[in-house]
């Protein structure tokens, strides 16, 4: 399955757009004698006066420099290393070191095909960076609007009397290419749109067999290829029918993968069989979840499992919950508008654009416990800025092994009695200790202001008559909280 329907990544800025911004005053002086500047994509800006910036570049940058360490003898090596690092272009500031761009640098950029921009004295590097971020924000807004309109079009198509051909037609229009539904034997069941390049139709059929090879035990769920400049993708649809969606497009916009992901989810649901008790049970579970029931309410309708409960924050598009579920190999998802919950019987992996908390695998009867685990794991993921956190049961330690469970429980009740009546204080203390006393991370995990955390911890210290700066005290309270 494709990645979930999170907001599309921020589109890069073309070099042409930067050059067209009169407020920046940039001038292309080398590196692109014939190639169009529209094809040069700038993903971010980086400023460096290092003699060799290679180790600090990620690729796609507009690298800004005033040439502090640049010499004529070093220009060739410098440009070669910048090109090897994958930088999109080089911006040279005419001030304060040089009055003009060195000829040696111009010649080296021409030889290596590195676009070289002259930055006038009146334009600080920060202004260039601000201009790039502004253009990116404008491009992202346009792309989000395009993706939203595409999703609405796909949803409307799915409601037509002929939903499968309608969704395919809508997808082909939105990506400006061709969309094909392949049968298990590789035959085209439905096809629409134009071929973006010669040979793309044959290549797409061949790619479809990659995700549905005869006799394969665990084939890949998606595959991509490029033929004649056309980008090809194939996705195995859910439902176990062996159907494959093939997509061919002449280019690739930042949101195309999101749009295609929505189509995969819709086509998987539209082509899934609806006979049999098991399928009826899964559909009923999906309905219950989408209506806002807790996972435990759906337990009697699920298979034996084990199941993993996932809580997620991220996608803000209409199909975000369904697309995330599809990416996690499930159709069971619901959202309250802020948090998406998914039930899956497959391993959970990080998904671009999402922050995930996953429970331990549990049986259907324990889904309520899994729901709590996933909620805590998500808070931990946000506090630690991790893409995915799995719940893990605390392992045995020497202290726990030395104390009988009943004595440990009695100690916990007595030690924490002064705050036992306040779940807010108890949970704040537990979270604060688990995050090593970090005010900011605790505030993020509990979604409260850091001053609220400070006030609650001070209240805990007073009620417990404890110096929370002491390591022994923290250890004792952590032991008690684990046994509570």
Protein backbone atom coordinates (compact mmCIF):
# COMPACT_ATOMS: atom_id res chain seq x y z
CA UNK A 1 0.00 0.00 0.00
CA UNK A 2 1.20 3.57 -0.50
CA UNK A 3 2.09 5.96 2.26
CA UNK A 4 -0.84 7.49 4.14
CA UNK A 5 -2.77 10.52 2.99
CA UNK A 6 -0.81 12.98 5.09
CA UNK A 7 -0.36 16.52 3.79
CA UNK A 8 1.90 16.44 0.76
CA UNK A 9 5.52 17.40 1.34
CA UNK A 10 6.46 21.02 0.74
CA UNK A 11 7.10 21.39 -2.99
CA UNK A 12 10.53 22.65 -3.98
CA UNK A 13 10.99 26.07 -5.56
CA UNK A 14 12.14 26.22 -9.15
CA UNK A 15 15.18 28.28 -10.00
CA UNK A 16 13.03 30.13 -12.49
CA UNK A 17 10.73 31.31 -9.68
CA UNK A 18 13.68 32.64 -7.69
CA UNK A 19 15.08 34.49 -10.69
CA UNK A 20 11.66 35.97 -11.40
CA UNK A 21 11.44 37.47 -7.90
CA UNK A 22 12.51 41.03 -8.58
CA UNK A 23 12.89 41.85 -4.88
CA UNK A 24 15.87 39.47 -4.67
CA UNK A 25 17.72 40.74 -7.71
CA UNK A 26 19.36 37.38 -8.45
CA UNK A 27 21.09 36.87 -11.79
CA UNK A 28 22.03 33.57 -13.41
CA UNK A 29 25.56 33.92 -14.79
CA UNK A 30 26.79 30.34 -15.34
CA UNK A 31 26.00 26.64 -15.26
CA UNK A 32 22.85 26.45 -17.40
CA UNK A 33 23.70 27.49 -20.95
CA UNK A 34 20.72 25.69 -22.54
CA UNK A 35 18.68 23.84 -19.88
CA UNK A 36 15.48 25.56 -18.65
CA UNK A 37 15.64 26.95 -15.13
CA UNK A 38 12.17 25.52 -14.41
CA UNK A 39 13.73 22.08 -14.10
CA UNK A 40 16.15 23.07 -11.33
CA UNK A 41 14.43 22.41 -7.98
CA UNK A 42 15.59 24.14 -4.79
CA UNK A 43 14.51 22.28 -1.66
CA UNK A 44 16.17 24.51 0.95
CA UNK A 45 18.86 27.11 1.54
CA UNK A 46 22.21 26.61 3.23
CA UNK A 47 24.93 29.18 3.95
CA UNK A 48 28.52 28.04 4.35
CA UNK A 49 31.97 29.56 4.16
CA UNK A 50 33.67 26.20 4.57
CA UNK A 51 36.47 25.43 2.12
CA UNK A 52 34.73 22.09 1.55
CA UNK A 53 30.99 22.20 2.39
CA UNK A 54 30.41 18.65 1.10
CA UNK A 55 29.98 16.99 4.56
CA UNK A 56 27.28 19.49 5.51
CA UNK A 57 25.09 19.29 2.41
CA UNK A 58 22.08 16.99 2.03
CA UNK A 59 21.36 17.64 -1.64
CA UNK A 60 18.93 20.02 -3.32
CA UNK A 61 20.26 23.13 -1.58
CA UNK A 62 20.80 26.61 -2.86
CA UNK A 63 24.25 27.01 -1.31
CA UNK A 64 25.09 30.61 -0.42
CA UNK A 65 28.67 31.81 -0.01
CA UNK A 66 30.67 35.03 -0.06
CA UNK A 67 33.84 33.15 -1.01
CA UNK A 68 35.70 33.81 2.23
CA UNK A 69 38.02 30.84 1.64
CA UNK A 70 37.70 30.67 -2.15
CA UNK A 71 40.76 31.10 -4.37
CA UNK A 72 41.22 30.75 -8.11
CA UNK A 73 43.27 27.60 -7.58
CA UNK A 74 40.58 26.09 -5.36
CA UNK A 75 37.52 27.00 -7.49
CA UNK A 76 37.53 23.80 -9.57
CA UNK A 77 37.74 21.50 -6.54
CA UNK A 78 35.14 23.55 -4.65
CA UNK A 79 32.56 23.36 -7.47
CA UNK A 80 33.20 19.67 -8.06
CA UNK A 81 32.58 18.88 -4.38
CA UNK A 82 29.39 20.96 -4.34
CA UNK A 83 28.12 19.09 -7.39
CA UNK A 84 29.03 15.73 -5.84
CA UNK A 85 27.00 16.70 -2.75
CA UNK A 86 23.96 17.23 -4.95
CA UNK A 87 23.44 20.95 -4.42
CA UNK A 88 20.87 22.46 -6.76
CA UNK A 89 22.63 25.79 -7.30
CA UNK A 90 25.33 28.09 -5.93
CA UNK A 91 24.61 31.66 -4.90
CA UNK A 92 27.62 33.99 -4.69
CA UNK A 93 27.33 37.20 -2.70
CA UNK A 94 29.10 40.20 -4.21
CA UNK A 95 30.25 41.56 -0.86
CA UNK A 96 32.12 41.83 1.38
CA UNK A 97 35.04 39.73 0.07
CA UNK A 98 34.69 40.13 -3.72
CA UNK A 99 33.40 42.99 -5.85
CA UNK A 100 32.52 40.64 -8.71
CA UNK A 101 32.05 36.91 -9.08
CA UNK A 102 35.51 35.37 -9.77
CA UNK A 103 36.02 34.23 -13.34
CA UNK A 104 37.51 30.96 -12.10
CA UNK A 105 34.25 30.17 -10.29
CA UNK A 106 32.14 31.06 -13.34
CA UNK A 107 34.24 28.81 -15.57
CA UNK A 108 34.15 25.90 -13.09
CA UNK A 109 30.35 26.14 -12.76
CA UNK A 110 30.00 26.13 -16.54
CA UNK A 111 32.19 23.03 -16.82
CA UNK A 112 30.23 21.12 -14.16
CA UNK A 113 26.76 22.40 -15.06
CA UNK A 114 26.18 23.96 -11.62
CA UNK A 115 23.82 26.96 -11.81
CA UNK A 116 25.63 30.01 -10.43
CA UNK A 117 23.61 32.98 -9.17
CA UNK A 118 25.05 36.42 -8.56
CA UNK A 119 23.60 37.90 -5.36
CA UNK A 120 23.78 41.72 -5.43
CA UNK A 121 25.31 43.73 -2.62
CA UNK A 122 21.90 45.03 -1.58
CA UNK A 123 20.49 41.53 -0.94
CA UNK A 124 21.54 39.87 2.35
CA UNK A 125 21.65 36.09 2.45
CA UNK A 126 18.80 36.11 4.98
CA UNK A 127 16.63 37.88 2.41
CA UNK A 128 17.38 35.14 -0.13
CA UNK A 129 16.48 32.45 2.42
CA UNK A 130 13.29 34.29 3.36
CA UNK A 131 12.37 34.53 -0.30
CA UNK A 132 12.81 30.78 -0.78
CA UNK A 133 10.68 29.96 2.28
CA UNK A 134 7.98 32.37 1.10
CA UNK A 135 7.85 30.80 -2.34
CA UNK A 136 7.75 27.34 -0.74
CA UNK A 137 4.84 28.37 1.48
CA UNK A 138 2.94 29.66 -1.54
CA UNK A 139 3.68 26.44 -3.46
CA UNK A 140 2.57 24.31 -0.52
CA UNK A 141 -0.69 26.22 -0.25
CA UNK A 142 -1.37 25.66 -3.93
CA UNK A 143 -0.49 21.98 -3.63
CA UNK A 144 -2.69 21.46 -0.56
CA UNK A 145 -5.58 23.06 -2.40
CA UNK A 146 -4.94 20.85 -5.44
CA UNK A 147 -4.80 17.71 -3.29
CA UNK A 148 -7.97 18.65 -1.42
CA UNK A 149 -9.82 19.23 -4.68
CA UNK A 150 -8.51 15.91 -6.02
CA UNK A 151 -9.69 14.07 -2.92
CA UNK A 152 -13.12 15.63 -3.20
CA UNK A 153 -13.25 14.61 -6.86
CA UNK A 154 -12.27 11.03 -6.03
CA UNK A 155 -14.85 10.85 -3.24
CA UNK A 156 -17.55 12.09 -5.60
CA UNK A 157 -16.46 9.55 -8.22
CA UNK A 158 -16.67 6.73 -5.65
CA UNK A 159 -20.32 7.63 -5.07
CA UNK A 160 -21.26 7.25 -8.76
CA UNK A 161 -23.19 4.20 -10.06
CA UNK A 162 -19.99 3.05 -11.85
CA UNK A 163 -17.53 3.86 -9.06
CA UNK A 164 -14.45 1.93 -10.17
CA UNK A 165 -14.19 3.40 -13.70
CA UNK A 166 -15.17 6.80 -12.31
CA UNK A 167 -12.38 6.76 -9.70
CA UNK A 168 -9.86 5.69 -12.35
CA UNK A 169 -10.95 8.51 -14.67
CA UNK A 170 -10.72 11.05 -11.89
CA UNK A 171 -7.27 9.80 -10.89
CA UNK A 172 -5.98 9.98 -14.47
CA UNK A 173 -7.21 13.57 -14.78
CA UNK A 174 -5.69 14.65 -11.46
CA UNK A 175 -2.23 13.23 -12.19
CA UNK A 176 -2.30 14.10 -15.87
CA UNK A 177 -1.57 10.57 -17.05
CA UNK A 178 -2.99 7.06 -17.27
CA UNK A 179 -4.69 4.87 -14.64
CA UNK A 180 -5.28 1.14 -15.13
CA UNK A 181 -6.92 -1.57 -13.03
CA UNK A 182 -5.20 -4.89 -13.78
CA UNK A 183 -6.79 -8.29 -13.25
CA UNK A 184 -4.84 -11.04 -11.44
CA UNK A 185 -3.73 -12.43 -14.81
CA UNK A 186 -2.38 -9.02 -15.92
CA UNK A 187 -5.27 -8.15 -18.23
CA UNK A 188 -6.59 -4.57 -18.20
CA UNK A 189 -10.02 -4.55 -16.54
CA UNK A 190 -10.41 -0.77 -16.78
CA UNK A 191 -8.06 1.80 -18.31
CA UNK A 192 -8.34 5.53 -18.86
CA UNK A 193 -6.19 8.54 -19.60
CA UNK A 194 -3.25 9.15 -21.91
CA UNK A 195 0.10 7.42 -22.13
CA UNK A 196 2.71 9.93 -20.96
CA UNK A 197 5.59 8.41 -22.97
CA UNK A 198 6.22 5.82 -25.69
CA UNK A 199 6.43 2.35 -24.22
CA UNK A 200 4.88 3.36 -20.90
CA UNK A 201 1.81 1.15 -21.40
CA UNK A 202 3.88 -2.02 -21.84
CA UNK A 203 6.21 -1.06 -19.01
CA UNK A 204 3.25 -0.40 -16.68
CA UNK A 205 1.78 -3.85 -17.39
CA UNK A 206 5.18 -5.38 -16.66
CA UNK A 207 5.44 -3.40 -13.40
CA UNK A 208 1.99 -4.62 -12.33
CA UNK A 209 3.25 -8.21 -12.46
CA UNK A 210 5.99 -7.26 -10.00
CA UNK A 211 3.42 -6.73 -7.23
CA UNK A 212 1.33 -9.73 -8.28
CA UNK A 213 3.75 -12.44 -9.47
CA UNK A 214 2.30 -15.93 -9.93
CA UNK A 215 2.88 -18.19 -6.94
CA UNK A 216 4.73 -15.61 -4.82
CA UNK A 217 4.22 -16.05 -1.08
CA UNK A 218 4.78 -12.43 -0.02
CA UNK A 219 5.17 -10.12 -3.02
CA UNK A 220 5.79 -6.39 -2.56
CA UNK A 221 2.70 -4.24 -2.18
CA UNK A 222 4.01 -1.49 -4.47
CA UNK A 223 6.65 -0.88 -7.12
CA UNK A 224 7.89 2.09 -9.14
CA UNK A 225 9.83 2.60 -12.37
CA UNK A 226 10.73 5.32 -14.85
CA UNK A 227 10.41 4.87 -18.63
CA UNK A 228 11.06 7.59 -21.18
CA UNK A 229 10.67 10.29 -18.54
CA UNK A 230 7.32 8.88 -17.35
CA UNK A 231 6.98 7.84 -13.72
CA UNK A 232 5.23 4.50 -13.28
CA UNK A 233 3.73 3.06 -10.09
CA UNK A 234 1.87 -0.14 -9.29
CA UNK A 235 -0.08 -0.89 -6.09
CA UNK A 236 -1.61 -4.15 -4.95
CA UNK A 237 -5.17 -3.48 -3.83
CA UNK A 238 -6.44 -4.85 -0.54
CA UNK A 239 -9.06 -7.54 -0.32
CA UNK A 240 -6.98 -10.48 -1.51
CA UNK A 241 -8.37 -10.39 -5.06
CA UNK A 242 -5.02 -10.00 -6.81
CA UNK A 243 -6.06 -6.69 -8.38
CA UNK A 244 -3.41 -4.07 -9.13
CA UNK A 245 -3.67 -0.32 -9.74
CA UNK A 246 -1.18 0.96 -12.32
CA UNK A 247 -0.44 4.67 -12.69
CA UNK A 248 1.70 6.42 -15.31
CA UNK A 249 2.35 10.16 -15.19
CA UNK A 250 4.59 12.45 -17.18
CA UNK A 251 5.84 14.28 -14.09
CA UNK A 252 5.51 14.08 -10.35
CA UNK A 253 4.00 16.80 -8.20
CA UNK A 254 4.53 16.75 -4.46
CA UNK A 255 0.94 15.70 -3.74
CA UNK A 256 0.55 13.05 -6.45
CA UNK A 257 1.47 10.22 -4.08
CA UNK A 258 -1.14 11.46 -1.60
CA UNK A 259 -3.80 11.60 -4.32
CA UNK A 260 -2.87 8.13 -5.56
CA UNK A 261 -2.98 6.81 -2.00
CA UNK A 262 -6.56 7.97 -1.66
CA UNK A 263 -7.43 6.21 -4.92
CA UNK A 264 -5.81 2.98 -3.68
CA UNK A 265 -7.88 3.08 -0.50
CA UNK A 266 -11.12 3.75 -2.39
CA UNK A 267 -10.47 1.09 -5.01
CA UNK A 268 -9.51 -1.44 -2.33
CA UNK A 269 -12.83 -0.85 -0.59
CA UNK A 270 -14.82 -0.75 -3.83
CA UNK A 271 -13.37 -4.01 -5.18
CA UNK A 272 -13.30 -5.97 -1.90
CA UNK A 273 -15.70 -8.92 -1.67
CA UNK A 274 -18.68 -8.34 0.57
CA UNK A 275 -19.80 -11.93 1.09
CA UNK A 276 -19.17 -14.14 4.07
CA UNK A 277 -19.39 -13.75 7.83
CA UNK A 278 -15.75 -12.78 8.28
CA UNK A 279 -15.94 -9.92 5.79
CA UNK A 280 -19.28 -8.82 7.22
CA UNK A 281 -17.73 -8.81 10.67
CA UNK A 282 -14.78 -6.70 9.58
CA UNK A 283 -17.12 -4.25 7.83
CA UNK A 284 -19.26 -4.00 10.96
CA UNK A 285 -16.18 -3.39 13.05
CA UNK A 286 -15.11 -0.66 10.66
CA UNK A 287 -18.52 0.97 10.93
CA UNK A 288 -18.46 0.83 14.71
CA UNK A 289 -15.00 2.37 14.84
CA UNK A 290 -15.89 5.09 12.37
CA UNK A 291 -18.91 5.95 14.49
CA UNK A 292 -16.59 6.57 17.41
CA UNK A 293 -16.86 3.37 19.44
CA UNK A 294 -13.88 2.21 21.45
CA UNK A 295 -11.79 -0.66 20.09
CA UNK A 296 -13.14 -2.92 22.83
CA UNK A 297 -16.66 -2.56 21.39
CA UNK A 298 -15.44 -4.02 18.12
CA UNK A 299 -13.64 -6.97 19.73
CA UNK A 300 -16.40 -9.58 19.26
CA UNK A 301 -16.44 -8.85 15.52
CA UNK A 302 -12.71 -9.18 14.88
CA UNK A 303 -10.60 -12.17 14.01
CA UNK A 304 -8.45 -13.87 16.64
CA UNK A 305 -5.52 -11.47 16.19
CA UNK A 306 -3.29 -10.55 17.83
CA UNK A 307 -4.14 -6.92 17.06
CA UNK A 308 -2.13 -3.75 17.50
CA UNK A 309 -3.84 -0.48 18.38
CA UNK A 310 -2.26 2.60 16.82
CA UNK A 311 -2.87 6.21 17.81
CA UNK A 312 -1.66 8.84 15.35
CA UNK A 313 -1.39 12.57 14.87
CA UNK A 314 -0.57 14.10 11.53
CA UNK A 315 -2.75 13.92 8.43
CA UNK A 316 -5.24 16.76 8.03
CA UNK A 317 -6.89 15.69 4.78
CA UNK A 318 -10.38 14.18 4.45
CA UNK A 319 -9.09 10.68 3.78
CA UNK A 320 -6.22 10.76 6.27
CA UNK A 321 -7.60 8.07 8.59
CA UNK A 322 -8.48 5.63 5.79
CA UNK A 323 -5.17 6.17 4.00
CA UNK A 324 -3.15 5.65 7.19
CA UNK A 325 -5.07 2.45 7.87
CA UNK A 326 -4.38 1.25 4.33
CA UNK A 327 -0.67 2.00 4.74
CA UNK A 328 -0.70 -0.06 7.94
CA UNK A 329 -2.47 -2.93 6.18
CA UNK A 330 -5.92 -2.41 7.66
CA UNK A 331 -9.35 -0.99 6.87
CA UNK A 332 -10.24 -0.39 10.53
CA UNK A 333 -9.82 3.26 11.39
CA UNK A 334 -11.63 6.10 13.07
CA UNK A 335 -10.81 9.66 14.00
CA UNK A 336 -12.20 12.31 16.30
CA UNK A 337 -10.69 15.05 14.16
CA UNK A 338 -7.48 15.21 16.17
CA UNK A 339 -6.31 11.64 16.77
CA UNK A 340 -6.59 8.76 14.32
CA UNK A 341 -6.99 5.26 15.75
CA UNK A 342 -6.22 2.19 13.70
CA UNK A 343 -6.51 -1.54 14.40
CA UNK A 344 -4.09 -3.71 12.47
CA UNK A 345 -2.89 -7.28 12.59
CA UNK A 346 0.36 -6.41 10.77
CA UNK A 347 3.68 -5.00 12.02
CA UNK A 348 3.52 -1.22 12.51
CA UNK A 349 6.16 0.90 10.77
CA UNK A 350 6.78 4.66 10.74
CA UNK A 351 4.77 6.58 8.15
CA UNK A 352 5.90 9.89 6.59
CA UNK A 353 4.00 12.86 7.94
CA UNK A 354 2.67 11.02 11.01
CA UNK A 355 3.57 10.61 14.68
CA UNK A 356 2.51 7.14 15.82
CA UNK A 357 2.10 5.34 19.12
CA UNK A 358 1.56 1.59 18.92
CA UNK A 359 0.38 -0.83 21.57
CA UNK A 360 1.83 -4.24 22.17
CA UNK A 361 0.05 -6.94 20.11
CA UNK A 362 -3.07 -7.92 22.10
CA UNK A 363 -5.98 -10.32 21.75
CA UNK A 364 -9.41 -8.83 20.94
CA UNK A 365 -10.52 -9.07 24.56
CA UNK A 366 -7.61 -6.83 25.60
CA UNK A 367 -8.17 -4.07 23.06
CA UNK A 368 -9.13 -1.58 25.76
CA UNK A 369 -5.73 -2.09 27.38
CA UNK A 370 -4.09 -1.78 23.96
CA UNK A 371 -5.94 1.49 23.41
CA UNK A 372 -4.45 2.89 26.62
CA UNK A 373 -0.98 1.65 25.67
CA UNK A 374 -1.21 3.31 22.25
CA UNK A 375 -2.36 6.60 23.78
CA UNK A 376 0.63 6.64 26.16
CA UNK A 377 3.01 5.61 23.39
CA UNK A 378 1.78 8.51 21.23
CA UNK A 379 2.36 10.99 24.05
CA UNK A 380 5.86 9.58 24.49
CA UNK A 381 6.52 9.86 20.74
CA UNK A 382 5.49 13.52 20.70
CA UNK A 383 7.49 14.32 23.79
CA UNK A 384 10.63 12.73 22.37
CA UNK A 385 9.93 13.92 18.79
CA UNK A 386 10.01 10.35 17.49
CA UNK A 387 8.08 9.22 14.42
CA UNK A 388 6.98 5.96 16.09
CA UNK A 389 7.03 4.60 19.63
CA UNK A 390 6.01 1.04 20.47
CA UNK A 391 4.65 0.24 23.92
CA UNK A 392 7.01 -1.95 25.88
CA UNK A 393 6.25 -3.60 29.17
CA UNK A 394 8.74 -2.66 31.87
CA UNK A 395 11.31 -5.38 32.24
CA UNK A 396 12.24 -6.98 35.57
CA UNK A 397 14.92 -5.26 37.65
CA UNK A 398 16.82 -6.12 40.78
CA UNK A 399 14.69 -3.92 43.05
CA UNK A 400 11.42 -5.40 41.85
CA UNK A 401 12.73 -8.93 42.26
CA UNK A 402 13.67 -8.24 45.90
CA UNK A 403 10.25 -6.98 46.98
CA UNK A 404 7.20 -9.27 47.09
CA UNK A 405 4.37 -7.94 44.94
CA UNK A 406 1.94 -7.49 47.84
CA UNK A 407 4.52 -5.54 49.86
CA UNK A 408 5.39 -3.41 46.84
CA UNK A 409 1.72 -2.60 46.28
CA UNK A 410 1.24 -1.70 49.93
CA UNK A 411 4.29 0.56 49.84
CA UNK A 412 3.01 2.27 46.67
CA UNK A 413 -0.42 2.93 48.19
CA UNK A 414 1.07 4.39 51.35
CA UNK A 415 3.76 6.44 49.59
CA UNK A 416 1.39 7.95 47.04
CA UNK A 417 -1.67 8.30 49.27
CA UNK A 418 -1.38 12.15 49.48
CA UNK A 419 -1.85 12.48 45.70
CA UNK A 420 -3.90 9.34 45.03
CA UNK A 421 -7.11 11.36 44.79
CA UNK A 422 -5.77 13.50 41.95
CA UNK A 423 -5.27 11.63 38.65
CA UNK A 424 -3.82 14.83 37.15
CA UNK A 425 -1.08 15.03 39.79
CA UNK A 426 -0.34 11.30 39.60
CA UNK A 427 -0.10 11.23 35.80
CA UNK A 428 1.98 14.44 35.73
CA UNK A 429 4.44 13.01 38.26
CA UNK A 430 4.63 9.72 36.35
CA UNK A 431 5.25 11.49 33.01
CA UNK A 432 7.71 14.00 34.50
CA UNK A 433 9.78 11.23 36.08
CA UNK A 434 9.68 9.11 32.91
CA UNK A 435 11.05 12.08 30.93
CA UNK A 436 13.87 12.72 33.42
CA UNK A 437 12.37 15.87 34.87
CA UNK A 438 12.02 17.74 31.58
CA UNK A 439 9.42 20.50 31.93
CA UNK A 440 9.05 21.10 28.19
CA UNK A 441 8.80 17.45 27.15
CA UNK A 442 6.32 16.73 29.94
CA UNK A 443 4.21 19.69 28.83
CA UNK A 444 4.18 18.35 25.28
CA UNK A 445 3.28 14.83 26.41
CA UNK A 446 0.37 16.05 28.55
CA UNK A 447 -0.65 18.87 26.18
CA UNK A 448 -0.51 21.47 28.95
CA UNK A 449 1.58 24.60 29.50
CA UNK A 450 5.01 24.10 31.06
CA UNK A 451 3.97 26.38 33.95
CA UNK A 452 1.12 23.97 34.67
CA UNK A 453 3.67 21.16 34.88
CA UNK A 454 5.82 23.19 37.29
CA UNK A 455 2.81 23.98 39.46
CA UNK A 456 1.67 20.33 39.59
CA UNK A 457 5.16 19.01 40.38
CA UNK A 458 5.56 21.61 43.13
CA UNK A 459 2.20 20.53 44.51
CA UNK A 460 3.31 16.86 44.41
CA UNK A 461 6.51 17.72 46.28
CA UNK A 462 4.56 19.56 48.97
CA UNK A 463 1.91 16.87 49.44
CA UNK A 464 4.46 14.05 49.42
CA UNK A 465 6.87 16.02 51.62
CA UNK A 466 9.62 15.06 49.17
CA UNK A 467 12.65 16.76 47.67
CA UNK A 468 12.24 15.85 44.02
CA UNK A 469 15.77 17.01 43.23
CA UNK A 470 17.09 13.97 45.12
CA UNK A 471 17.81 10.92 42.95
CA UNK A 472 16.84 8.50 45.75
CA UNK A 473 13.49 10.21 46.17
CA UNK A 474 12.80 10.06 42.45
CA UNK A 475 13.71 6.37 42.37
CA UNK A 476 11.42 5.60 45.29
CA UNK A 477 8.50 7.46 43.72
CA UNK A 478 9.09 5.84 40.34
CA UNK A 479 9.07 2.41 41.99
CA UNK A 480 5.81 3.27 43.75
CA UNK A 481 4.19 4.58 40.58
CA UNK A 482 5.08 1.41 38.72
CA UNK A 483 3.50 -0.70 41.44
CA UNK A 484 0.43 1.52 41.88
